[in-house]
Amino acid sequence: MSNKAIIYHTAGCMKCKLTAQRLNMETEMILVDANNDIDKLIIDNFRKKGYQSFPIVQVYHNEDLVDEWGDFNINKIKYWNDKNK
């Protein structure tokens, strides 16, 4: 299975770091800084989706987005780790 995760995170975020460490798939980490105008747009987009805290995790199968969640979510991490075995 060809799954990849993109993890949007903030500097010093322990939940973000734990998510990246525990998720057993290829990951790309994208640092989001609220002081950067482009990143503000990314943050606003996530807020419109209802997310209130980082990390924001997007899982792709090939090039298709197949799952997305916010915050540290051990159940989602376990689900994707089991699926990638």
PDB file of N, CA and C in Angstrom:
ATOM      1  N   MET A   1       0.842  -1.176   0.000  1.00  0.00           N
ATOM      2  CA  MET A   1       0.000   0.000   0.000  1.00  0.00           C
ATOM      3  C   MET A   1       0.886   1.237   0.000  1.00  0.00           C
ATOM      4  N   SER A   2       0.537   2.209  -0.801  1.00  0.00           N
ATOM      5  CA  SER A   2       1.353   3.399  -0.953  1.00  0.00           C
ATOM      6  C   SER A   2       0.708   4.585  -0.239  1.00  0.00           C
ATOM      7  N   ASN A   3       0.810   4.609   1.092  1.00  0.00           N
ATOM      8  CA  ASN A   3       0.235   5.697   1.873  1.00  0.00           C
ATOM      9  C   ASN A   3       1.328   6.639   2.340  1.00  0.00           C
ATOM     10  N   LYS A   4       0.970   7.905   2.408  1.00  0.00           N
ATOM     11  CA  LYS A   4       1.882   8.948   2.866  1.00  0.00           C
ATOM     12  C   LYS A   4       1.068   9.933   3.694  1.00  0.00           C
ATOM     13  N   ALA A   5       1.676  10.465   4.740  1.00  0.00           N
ATOM     14  CA  ALA A   5       1.003  11.461   5.570  1.00  0.00           C
ATOM     15  C   ALA A   5       1.723  12.799   5.479  1.00  0.00           C
ATOM     16  N   ILE A   6       0.932  13.844   5.452  1.00  0.00           N
ATOM     17  CA  ILE A   6       1.457  15.196   5.603  1.00  0.00           C
ATOM     18  C   ILE A   6       0.981  15.665   6.968  1.00  0.00           C
ATOM     19  N   ILE A   7       1.921  16.095   7.792  1.00  0.00           N
ATOM     20  CA  ILE A   7       1.605  16.548   9.139  1.00  0.00           C
ATOM     21  C   ILE A   7       1.929  18.036   9.226  1.00  0.00           C
ATOM     22  N   TYR A   8       0.881  18.841   9.369  1.00  0.00           N
ATOM     23  CA  TYR A   8       1.050  20.274   9.574  1.00  0.00           C
ATOM     24  C   TYR A   8       1.248  20.475  11.077  1.00  0.00           C
ATOM     25  N   HIS A   9       2.311  21.181  11.453  1.00  0.00           N
ATOM     26  CA  HIS A   9       2.643  21.314  12.869  1.00  0.00           C
ATOM     27  C   HIS A   9       3.116  22.717  13.175  1.00  0.00           C
ATOM     28  N   THR A  10       3.160  23.010  14.461  1.00  0.00           N
ATOM     29  CA  THR A  10       3.694  24.274  14.924  1.00  0.00           C
ATOM     30  C   THR A  10       4.997  24.006  15.678  1.00  0.00           C
ATOM     31  N   ALA A  11       5.804  25.035  15.814  1.00  0.00           N
ATOM     32  CA  ALA A  11       7.100  24.895  16.486  1.00  0.00           C
ATOM     33  C   ALA A  11       6.896  24.474  17.937  1.00  0.00           C
ATOM     34  N   GLY A  12       7.642  23.468  18.361  1.00  0.00           N
ATOM     35  CA  GLY A  12       7.617  23.025  19.739  1.00  0.00           C
ATOM     36  C   GLY A  12       6.383  22.246  20.156  1.00  0.00           C
ATOM     37  N   CYS A  13       5.579  21.817  19.214  1.00  0.00           N
ATOM     38  CA  CYS A  13       4.335  21.101  19.521  1.00  0.00           C
ATOM     39  C   CYS A  13       4.646  19.632  19.846  1.00  0.00           C
ATOM     40  N   MET A  14       4.441  19.240  21.108  1.00  0.00           N
ATOM     41  CA  MET A  14       4.737  17.872  21.524  1.00  0.00           C
ATOM     42  C   MET A  14       3.756  16.881  20.888  1.00  0.00           C
ATOM     43  N   LYS A  15       2.476  17.242  20.767  1.00  0.00           N
ATOM     44  CA  LYS A  15       1.497  16.348  20.131  1.00  0.00           C
ATOM     45  C   LYS A  15       1.863  16.113  18.670  1.00  0.00           C
ATOM     46  N   CYS A  16       2.412  17.123  18.036  1.00  0.00           N
ATOM     47  CA  CYS A  16       2.832  17.005  16.640  1.00  0.00           C
ATOM     48  C   CYS A  16       4.000  16.029  16.526  1.00  0.00           C
ATOM     49  N   LYS A  17       4.952  16.186  17.425  1.00  0.00           N
ATOM     50  CA  LYS A  17       6.134  15.323  17.432  1.00  0.00           C
ATOM     51  C   LYS A  17       5.742  13.866  17.704  1.00  0.00           C
ATOM     52  N   LEU A  18       4.852  13.648  18.686  1.00  0.00           N
ATOM     53  CA  LEU A  18       4.395  12.293  19.003  1.00  0.00           C
ATOM     54  C   LEU A  18       3.655  11.663  17.827  1.00  0.00           C
ATOM     55  N   THR A  19       2.843  12.454  17.154  1.00  0.00           N
ATOM     56  CA  THR A  19       2.109  11.939  15.992  1.00  0.00           C
ATOM     57  C   THR A  19       3.090  11.452  14.935  1.00  0.00           C
ATOM     58  N   ALA A  20       4.089  12.270  14.626  1.00  0.00           N
ATOM     59  CA  ALA A  20       5.076  11.897  13.615  1.00  0.00           C
ATOM     60  C   ALA A  20       5.863  10.661  14.031  1.00  0.00           C
ATOM     61  N   GLN A  21       6.201  10.557  15.318  1.00  0.00           N
ATOM     62  CA  GLN A  21       6.971   9.413  15.796  1.00  0.00           C
ATOM     63  C   GLN A  21       6.170   8.120  15.745  1.00  0.00           C
ATOM     64  N   ARG A  22       4.892   8.198  16.044  1.00  0.00           N
ATOM     65  CA  ARG A  22       4.077   6.986  16.164  1.00  0.00           C
ATOM     66  C   ARG A  22       3.421   6.539  14.863  1.00  0.00           C
ATOM     67  N   LEU A  23       3.302   7.418  13.906  1.00  0.00           N
ATOM     68  CA  LEU A  23       2.656   7.067  12.646  1.00  0.00           C
ATOM     69  C   LEU A  23       3.654   6.346  11.751  1.00  0.00           C
ATOM     70  N   ASN A  24       3.400   5.072  11.482  1.00  0.00           N
ATOM     71  CA  ASN A  24       4.338   4.231  10.736  1.00  0.00           C
ATOM     72  C   ASN A  24       4.089   4.282   9.238  1.00  0.00           C
ATOM     73  N   MET A  25       4.377   5.424   8.657  1.00  0.00           N
ATOM     74  CA  MET A  25       4.331   5.568   7.207  1.00  0.00           C
ATOM     75  C   MET A  25       5.209   6.750   6.830  1.00  0.00           C
ATOM     76  N   GLU A  26       5.470   6.870   5.561  1.00  0.00           N
ATOM     77  CA  GLU A  26       6.243   8.017   5.092  1.00  0.00           C
ATOM     78  C   GLU A  26       5.492   9.288   5.474  1.00  0.00           C
ATOM     79  N   THR A  27       6.196  10.244   6.069  1.00  0.00           N
ATOM     80  CA  THR A  27       5.560  11.493   6.460  1.00  0.00           C
ATOM     81  C   THR A  27       6.351  12.690   5.961  1.00  0.00           C
ATOM     82  N   GLU A  28       5.611  13.724   5.706  1.00  0.00           N
ATOM     83  CA  GLU A  28       6.205  15.020   5.381  1.00  0.00           C
ATOM     84  C   GLU A  28       5.715  15.987   6.449  1.00  0.00           C
ATOM     85  N   MET A  29       6.646  16.666   7.093  1.00  0.00           N
ATOM     86  CA  MET A  29       6.299  17.626   8.133  1.00  0.00           C
ATOM     87  C   MET A  29       6.307  19.032   7.532  1.00  0.00           C
ATOM     88  N   ILE A  30       5.215  19.773   7.750  1.00  0.00           N
ATOM     89  CA  ILE A  30       5.126  21.145   7.264  1.00  0.00           C
ATOM     90  C   ILE A  30       4.908  22.060   8.464  1.00  0.00           C
ATOM     91  N   LEU A  31       5.880  22.925   8.717  1.00  0.00           N
ATOM     92  CA  LEU A  31       5.812  23.862   9.830  1.00  0.00           C
ATOM     93  C   LEU A  31       4.877  25.005   9.457  1.00  0.00           C
ATOM     94  N   VAL A  32       3.925  25.305  10.340  1.00  0.00           N
ATOM     95  CA  VAL A  32       2.971  26.392  10.126  1.00  0.00           C
ATOM     96  C   VAL A  32       3.241  27.451  11.185  1.00  0.00           C
ATOM     97  N   ASP A  33       3.434  28.691  10.737  1.00  0.00           N
ATOM     98  CA  ASP A  33       3.757  29.805  11.626  1.00  0.00           C
ATOM     99  C   ASP A  33       2.685  30.884  11.471  1.00  0.00           C
ATOM    100  N   ALA A  34       1.969  31.184  12.543  1.00  0.00           N
ATOM    101  CA  ALA A  34       0.875  32.156  12.497  1.00  0.00           C
ATOM    102  C   ALA A  34       1.361  33.568  12.172  1.00  0.00           C
ATOM    103  N   ASN A  35       2.660  33.822  12.236  1.00  0.00           N
ATOM    104  CA  ASN A  35       3.206  35.139  11.902  1.00  0.00           C
ATOM    105  C   ASN A  35       3.504  35.290  10.411  1.00  0.00           C
ATOM    106  N   ASN A  36       3.365  34.204   9.669  1.00  0.00           N
ATOM    107  CA  ASN A  36       3.632  34.205   8.233  1.00  0.00           C
ATOM    108  C   ASN A  36       2.295  34.344   7.497  1.00  0.00           C
ATOM    109  N   ASP A  37       2.205  35.294   6.566  1.00  0.00           N
ATOM    110  CA  ASP A  37       0.936  35.566   5.875  1.00  0.00           C
ATOM    111  C   ASP A  37       0.405  34.354   5.116  1.00  0.00           C
ATOM    112  N   ILE A  38       1.271  33.608   4.443  1.00  0.00           N
ATOM    113  CA  ILE A  38       0.821  32.425   3.701  1.00  0.00           C
ATOM    114  C   ILE A  38       0.315  31.365   4.673  1.00  0.00           C
ATOM    115  N   ASP A  39       1.032  31.176   5.763  1.00  0.00           N
ATOM    116  CA  ASP A  39       0.607  30.194   6.765  1.00  0.00           C
ATOM    117  C   ASP A  39      -0.709  30.598   7.424  1.00  0.00           C
ATOM    118  N   LYS A  40      -0.961  31.905   7.566  1.00  0.00           N
ATOM    119  CA  LYS A  40      -2.241  32.370   8.121  1.00  0.00           C
ATOM    120  C   LYS A  40      -3.396  31.869   7.265  1.00  0.00           C
ATOM    121  N   LEU A  41      -3.209  31.856   5.959  1.00  0.00           N
ATOM    122  CA  LEU A  41      -4.247  31.340   5.053  1.00  0.00           C
ATOM    123  C   LEU A  41      -4.473  29.847   5.278  1.00  0.00           C
ATOM    124  N   ILE A  42      -3.386  29.103   5.479  1.00  0.00           N
ATOM    125  CA  ILE A  42      -3.492  27.669   5.759  1.00  0.00           C
ATOM    126  C   ILE A  42      -4.249  27.452   7.069  1.00  0.00           C
ATOM    127  N   ILE A  43      -3.890  28.223   8.090  1.00  0.00           N
ATOM    128  CA  ILE A  43      -4.549  28.104   9.386  1.00  0.00           C
ATOM    129  C   ILE A  43      -6.031  28.448   9.274  1.00  0.00           C
ATOM    130  N   ASP A  44      -6.356  29.516   8.552  1.00  0.00           N
ATOM    131  CA  ASP A  44      -7.765  29.898   8.359  1.00  0.00           C
ATOM    132  C   ASP A  44      -8.539  28.799   7.656  1.00  0.00           C
ATOM    133  N   ASN A  45      -7.917  28.157   6.674  1.00  0.00           N
ATOM    134  CA  ASN A  45      -8.572  27.059   5.960  1.00  0.00           C
ATOM    135  C   ASN A  45      -8.865  25.900   6.908  1.00  0.00           C
ATOM    136  N   PHE A  46      -7.923  25.567   7.768  1.00  0.00           N
ATOM    137  CA  PHE A  46      -8.149  24.495   8.736  1.00  0.00           C
ATOM    138  C   PHE A  46      -9.240  24.879   9.744  1.00  0.00           C
ATOM    139  N   ARG A  47      -9.264  26.131  10.161  1.00  0.00           N
ATOM    140  CA  ARG A  47     -10.316  26.589  11.093  1.00  0.00           C
ATOM    141  C   ARG A  47     -11.695  26.475  10.455  1.00  0.00           C
ATOM    142  N   LYS A  48     -11.784  26.793   9.168  1.00  0.00           N
ATOM    143  CA  LYS A  48     -13.066  26.668   8.457  1.00  0.00           C
ATOM    144  C   LYS A  48     -13.535  25.219   8.425  1.00  0.00           C
ATOM    145  N   LYS A  49     -12.593  24.284   8.455  1.00  0.00           N
ATOM    146  CA  LYS A  49     -12.933  22.861   8.496  1.00  0.00           C
ATOM    147  C   LYS A  49     -13.265  22.395   9.913  1.00  0.00           C
ATOM    148  N   GLY A  50     -13.101  23.272  10.894  1.00  0.00           N
ATOM    149  CA  GLY A  50     -13.434  22.943  12.274  1.00  0.00           C
ATOM    150  C   GLY A  50     -12.255  22.531  13.149  1.00  0.00           C
ATOM    151  N   TYR A  51     -11.055  22.526  12.602  1.00  0.00           N
ATOM    152  CA  TYR A  51      -9.881  22.146  13.393  1.00  0.00           C
ATOM    153  C   TYR A  51      -9.456  23.310  14.282  1.00  0.00           C
ATOM    154  N   GLN A  52      -9.137  22.976  15.528  1.00  0.00           N
ATOM    155  CA  GLN A  52      -8.772  24.018  16.471  1.00  0.00           C
ATOM    156  C   GLN A  52      -7.372  23.862  17.037  1.00  0.00           C
ATOM    157  N   SER A  53      -6.726  22.719  16.778  1.00  0.00           N
ATOM    158  CA  SER A  53      -5.369  22.532  17.303  1.00  0.00           C
ATOM    159  C   SER A  53      -4.549  21.663  16.353  1.00  0.00           C
ATOM    160  N   PHE A  54      -3.247  21.814  16.482  1.00  0.00           N
ATOM    161  CA  PHE A  54      -2.315  21.033  15.676  1.00  0.00           C
ATOM    162  C   PHE A  54      -1.874  19.817  16.454  1.00  0.00           C
ATOM    163  N   PRO A  55      -1.435  18.772  15.763  1.00  0.00           N
ATOM    164  CA  PRO A  55      -1.186  18.671  14.328  1.00  0.00           C
ATOM    165  C   PRO A  55      -2.473  18.479  13.533  1.00  0.00           C
ATOM    166  N   ILE A  56      -2.376  18.827  12.265  1.00  0.00           N
ATOM    167  CA  ILE A  56      -3.390  18.452  11.286  1.00  0.00           C
ATOM    168  C   ILE A  56      -2.718  17.404  10.409  1.00  0.00           C
ATOM    169  N   VAL A  57      -3.335  16.235  10.310  1.00  0.00           N
ATOM    170  CA  VAL A  57      -2.745  15.122   9.568  1.00  0.00           C
ATOM    171  C   VAL A  57      -3.614  14.823   8.352  1.00  0.00           C
ATOM    172  N   GLN A  58      -2.976  14.745   7.215  1.00  0.00           N
ATOM    173  CA  GLN A  58      -3.650  14.339   5.978  1.00  0.00           C
ATOM    174  C   GLN A  58      -2.971  13.073   5.479  1.00  0.00           C
ATOM    175  N   VAL A  59      -3.774  12.038   5.245  1.00  0.00           N
ATOM    176  CA  VAL A  59      -3.242  10.778   4.736  1.00  0.00           C
ATOM    177  C   VAL A  59      -3.654  10.639   3.279  1.00  0.00           C
ATOM    178  N   TYR A  60      -2.677  10.340   2.451  1.00  0.00           N
ATOM    179  CA  TYR A  60      -2.902  10.167   1.019  1.00  0.00           C
ATOM    180  C   TYR A  60      -2.585   8.734   0.618  1.00  0.00           C
ATOM    181  N   HIS A  61      -3.409   8.189  -0.242  1.00  0.00           N
ATOM    182  CA  HIS A  61      -3.126   6.910  -0.889  1.00  0.00           C
ATOM    183  C   HIS A  61      -2.872   7.253  -2.343  1.00  0.00           C
ATOM    184  N   ASN A  62      -1.647   6.976  -2.787  1.00  0.00           N
ATOM    185  CA  ASN A  62      -1.174   7.478  -4.070  1.00  0.00           C
ATOM    186  C   ASN A  62      -1.311   8.993  -4.006  1.00  0.00           C
ATOM    187  N   GLU A  63      -2.133   9.623  -4.801  1.00  0.00           N
ATOM    188  CA  GLU A  63      -2.263  11.084  -4.742  1.00  0.00           C
ATOM    189  C   GLU A  63      -3.613  11.523  -4.169  1.00  0.00           C
ATOM    190  N   ASP A  64      -4.427  10.571  -3.704  1.00  0.00           N
ATOM    191  CA  ASP A  64      -5.773  10.883  -3.234  1.00  0.00           C
ATOM    192  C   ASP A  64      -5.808  11.045  -1.719  1.00  0.00           C
ATOM    193  N   LEU A  65      -6.423  12.140  -1.242  1.00  0.00           N
ATOM    194  CA  LEU A  65      -6.626  12.339   0.185  1.00  0.00           C
ATOM    195  C   LEU A  65      -7.670  11.332   0.662  1.00  0.00           C
ATOM    196  N   VAL A  66      -7.291  10.477   1.624  1.00  0.00           N
ATOM    197  CA  VAL A  66      -8.202   9.430   2.103  1.00  0.00           C
ATOM    198  C   VAL A  66      -8.600   9.618   3.565  1.00  0.00           C
ATOM    199  N   ASP A  67      -7.897  10.479   4.294  1.00  0.00           N
ATOM    200  CA  ASP A  67      -8.261  10.727   5.691  1.00  0.00           C
ATOM    201  C   ASP A  67      -7.604  12.026   6.133  1.00  0.00           C
ATOM    202  N   GLU A  68      -8.238  12.665   7.113  1.00  0.00           N
ATOM    203  CA  GLU A  68      -7.707  13.912   7.646  1.00  0.00           C
ATOM    204  C   GLU A  68      -8.231  14.064   9.070  1.00  0.00           C
ATOM    205  N   TRP A  69      -7.365  14.508   9.979  1.00  0.00           N
ATOM    206  CA  TRP A  69      -7.819  14.763  11.345  1.00  0.00           C
ATOM    207  C   TRP A  69      -6.942  15.818  11.995  1.00  0.00           C
ATOM    208  N   GLY A  70      -7.445  16.355  13.089  1.00  0.00           N
ATOM    209  CA  GLY A  70      -6.713  17.332  13.865  1.00  0.00           C
ATOM    210  C   GLY A  70      -6.446  16.817  15.262  1.00  0.00           C
ATOM    211  N   ASP A  71      -5.374  17.326  15.860  1.00  0.00           N
ATOM    212  CA  ASP A  71      -4.965  17.009  17.222  1.00  0.00           C
ATOM    213  C   ASP A  71      -4.317  15.624  17.267  1.00  0.00           C
ATOM    214  N   PHE A  72      -3.788  15.264  18.418  1.00  0.00           N
ATOM    215  CA  PHE A  72      -3.186  13.945  18.602  1.00  0.00           C
ATOM    216  C   PHE A  72      -4.323  12.942  18.739  1.00  0.00           C
ATOM    217  N   ASN A  73      -4.387  11.978  17.823  1.00  0.00           N
ATOM    218  CA  ASN A  73      -5.501  11.026  17.797  1.00  0.00           C
ATOM    219  C   ASN A  73      -4.930   9.610  17.700  1.00  0.00           C
ATOM    220  N   ILE A  74      -4.753   8.978  18.858  1.00  0.00           N
ATOM    221  CA  ILE A  74      -4.125   7.659  18.904  1.00  0.00           C
ATOM    222  C   ILE A  74      -4.947   6.617  18.152  1.00  0.00           C
ATOM    223  N   ASN A  75      -6.272   6.748  18.138  1.00  0.00           N
ATOM    224  CA  ASN A  75      -7.106   5.788  17.409  1.00  0.00           C
ATOM    225  C   ASN A  75      -6.859   5.852  15.909  1.00  0.00           C
ATOM    226  N   LYS A  76      -6.714   7.055  15.366  1.00  0.00           N
ATOM    227  CA  LYS A  76      -6.402   7.195  13.931  1.00  0.00           C
ATOM    228  C   LYS A  76      -5.002   6.665  13.634  1.00  0.00           C
ATOM    229  N   ILE A  77      -4.065   6.954  14.509  1.00  0.00           N
ATOM    230  CA  ILE A  77      -2.695   6.470  14.318  1.00  0.00           C
ATOM    231  C   ILE A  77      -2.683   4.945  14.305  1.00  0.00           C
ATOM    232  N   LYS A  78      -3.359   4.322  15.271  1.00  0.00           N
ATOM    233  CA  LYS A  78      -3.429   2.857  15.310  1.00  0.00           C
ATOM    234  C   LYS A  78      -4.105   2.309  14.062  1.00  0.00           C
ATOM    235  N   TYR A  79      -5.197   2.944  13.631  1.00  0.00           N
ATOM    236  CA  TYR A  79      -5.908   2.493  12.438  1.00  0.00           C
ATOM    237  C   TYR A  79      -4.973   2.465  11.236  1.00  0.00           C
ATOM    238  N   TRP A  80      -4.247   3.556  11.006  1.00  0.00           N
ATOM    239  CA  TRP A  80      -3.380   3.622   9.830  1.00  0.00           C
ATOM    240  C   TRP A  80      -2.141   2.745   9.983  1.00  0.00           C
ATOM    241  N   ASN A  81      -1.640   2.596  11.185  1.00  0.00           N
ATOM    242  CA  ASN A  81      -0.517   1.676  11.387  1.00  0.00           C
ATOM    243  C   ASN A  81      -0.925   0.245  11.094  1.00  0.00           C
ATOM    244  N   ASP A  82      -2.126  -0.160  11.539  1.00  0.00           N
ATOM    245  CA  ASP A  82      -2.631  -1.505  11.243  1.00  0.00           C
ATOM    246  C   ASP A  82      -2.871  -1.677   9.745  1.00  0.00           C
ATOM    247  N   LYS A  83      -3.399  -0.658   9.116  1.00  0.00           N
ATOM    248  CA  LYS A  83      -3.699  -0.734   7.676  1.00  0.00           C
ATOM    249  C   LYS A  83      -2.419  -0.834   6.832  1.00  0.00           C
ATOM    250  N   ASN A  84      -1.321  -0.304   7.342  1.00  0.00           N
ATOM    251  CA  ASN A  84      -0.065  -0.287   6.590  1.00  0.00           C
ATOM    252  C   ASN A  84       0.817  -1.499   6.854  1.00  0.00           C
ATOM    253  N   LYS A  85       0.342  -2.444   7.640  1.00  0.00           N
ATOM    254  CA  LYS A  85       1.154  -3.648   7.925  1.00  0.00           C
ATOM    255  C   LYS A  85       1.236  -4.550   6.714  1.00  0.00           C
TER     256      LYS A  85
END
